[in-house]
């Protein structure tokens, strides 16, 4: 029984640590697209650090690829 505990516990710690490291950030934002004007209010999952500055930079890049302009980040939270 002690053998199983010695193997299982470190494996569990590794799995939980990897899951925490992969946790994504959920960002609530407002964006727009011009010509014709379209306004968006949505949430999206972004990777990386969950600081507001990092999440904003990542979101701005993602939205630009879709032809959108970020207007405001309303909230950033860990998933």
Protein backbone atom coordinates (compact mmCIF):
# COMPACT_ATOMS: atom_id res chain seq x y z
CA UNK A 1 0.00 0.00 0.00
CA UNK A 2 2.83 2.40 0.80
CA UNK A 3 4.31 1.63 -2.63
CA UNK A 4 1.12 2.79 -4.36
CA UNK A 5 1.03 5.97 -2.29
CA UNK A 6 4.65 6.77 -3.13
CA UNK A 7 3.90 6.50 -6.84
CA UNK A 8 0.41 8.00 -6.90
CA UNK A 9 1.05 11.11 -4.83
CA UNK A 10 3.91 12.53 -6.97
CA UNK A 11 1.94 11.74 -10.14
CA UNK A 12 -1.08 13.55 -8.76
CA UNK A 13 1.02 16.60 -7.86
CA UNK A 14 2.44 16.70 -11.40
CA UNK A 15 -1.00 16.46 -13.00
CA UNK A 16 -2.50 19.17 -10.79
CA UNK A 17 0.51 21.42 -11.33
CA UNK A 18 0.27 21.03 -15.11
CA UNK A 19 -3.45 21.79 -15.02
CA UNK A 20 -2.89 24.98 -13.03
CA UNK A 21 -0.14 26.10 -15.39
CA UNK A 22 -2.45 25.62 -18.38
CA UNK A 23 -5.34 27.56 -16.86
CA UNK A 24 -6.61 30.11 -19.29
CA UNK A 25 -7.89 33.60 -18.74
CA UNK A 26 -11.44 34.57 -19.59
CA UNK A 27 -11.60 38.14 -20.89
CA UNK A 28 -14.84 40.09 -21.21
CA UNK A 29 -14.51 42.87 -23.75
CA UNK A 30 -16.17 45.37 -26.08
CA UNK A 31 -14.97 45.73 -29.67
CA UNK A 32 -16.07 47.24 -32.97
CA UNK A 33 -15.76 46.74 -36.69
CA UNK A 34 -16.10 49.74 -39.01
CA UNK A 35 -17.85 50.06 -42.36
CA UNK A 36 -20.58 49.15 -41.57
CA UNK A 37 -20.33 49.78 -37.87
CA UNK A 38 -20.78 46.64 -35.77
CA UNK A 39 -20.41 46.57 -31.99
CA UNK A 40 -19.45 43.44 -30.05
CA UNK A 41 -19.69 42.53 -26.38
CA UNK A 42 -18.31 39.06 -25.73
CA UNK A 43 -16.00 36.85 -23.69
CA UNK A 44 -13.03 34.94 -25.01
CA UNK A 45 -10.39 32.60 -23.61
CA UNK A 46 -6.78 33.73 -23.96
CA UNK A 47 -3.63 31.96 -22.83
CA UNK A 48 -0.69 33.34 -20.92
CA UNK A 49 -0.50 35.49 -17.84
CA UNK A 50 -3.85 36.63 -16.45
CA UNK A 51 -2.71 40.18 -15.80
CA UNK A 52 -4.92 42.80 -17.39
CA UNK A 53 -2.05 44.19 -19.50
CA UNK A 54 -1.01 40.79 -20.89
CA UNK A 55 -4.58 39.65 -21.55
CA UNK A 56 -5.36 42.96 -23.28
CA UNK A 57 -2.32 42.68 -25.55
CA UNK A 58 -3.16 39.09 -26.51
CA UNK A 59 -6.82 39.93 -27.10
CA UNK A 60 -5.95 42.97 -29.21
CA UNK A 61 -3.85 40.72 -31.49
CA UNK A 62 -6.60 38.10 -31.79
CA UNK A 63 -9.25 40.69 -32.61
CA UNK A 64 -7.06 42.45 -35.18
CA UNK A 65 -6.81 39.18 -37.13
CA UNK A 66 -10.61 39.26 -37.37
CA UNK A 67 -10.72 42.91 -38.42
CA UNK A 68 -11.96 44.12 -35.05
CA UNK A 69 -10.76 47.00 -32.88
CA UNK A 70 -10.69 46.49 -29.11
CA UNK A 71 -12.61 49.24 -27.34
CA UNK A 72 -12.45 48.16 -23.71
CA UNK A 73 -11.55 45.18 -21.53
CA UNK A 74 -14.29 44.87 -18.93
CA UNK A 75 -12.87 42.02 -16.84
CA UNK A 76 -10.13 39.39 -16.71
CA UNK A 77 -10.51 36.23 -14.64
CA UNK A 78 -8.87 32.83 -14.42
CA UNK A 79 -10.82 29.90 -15.77
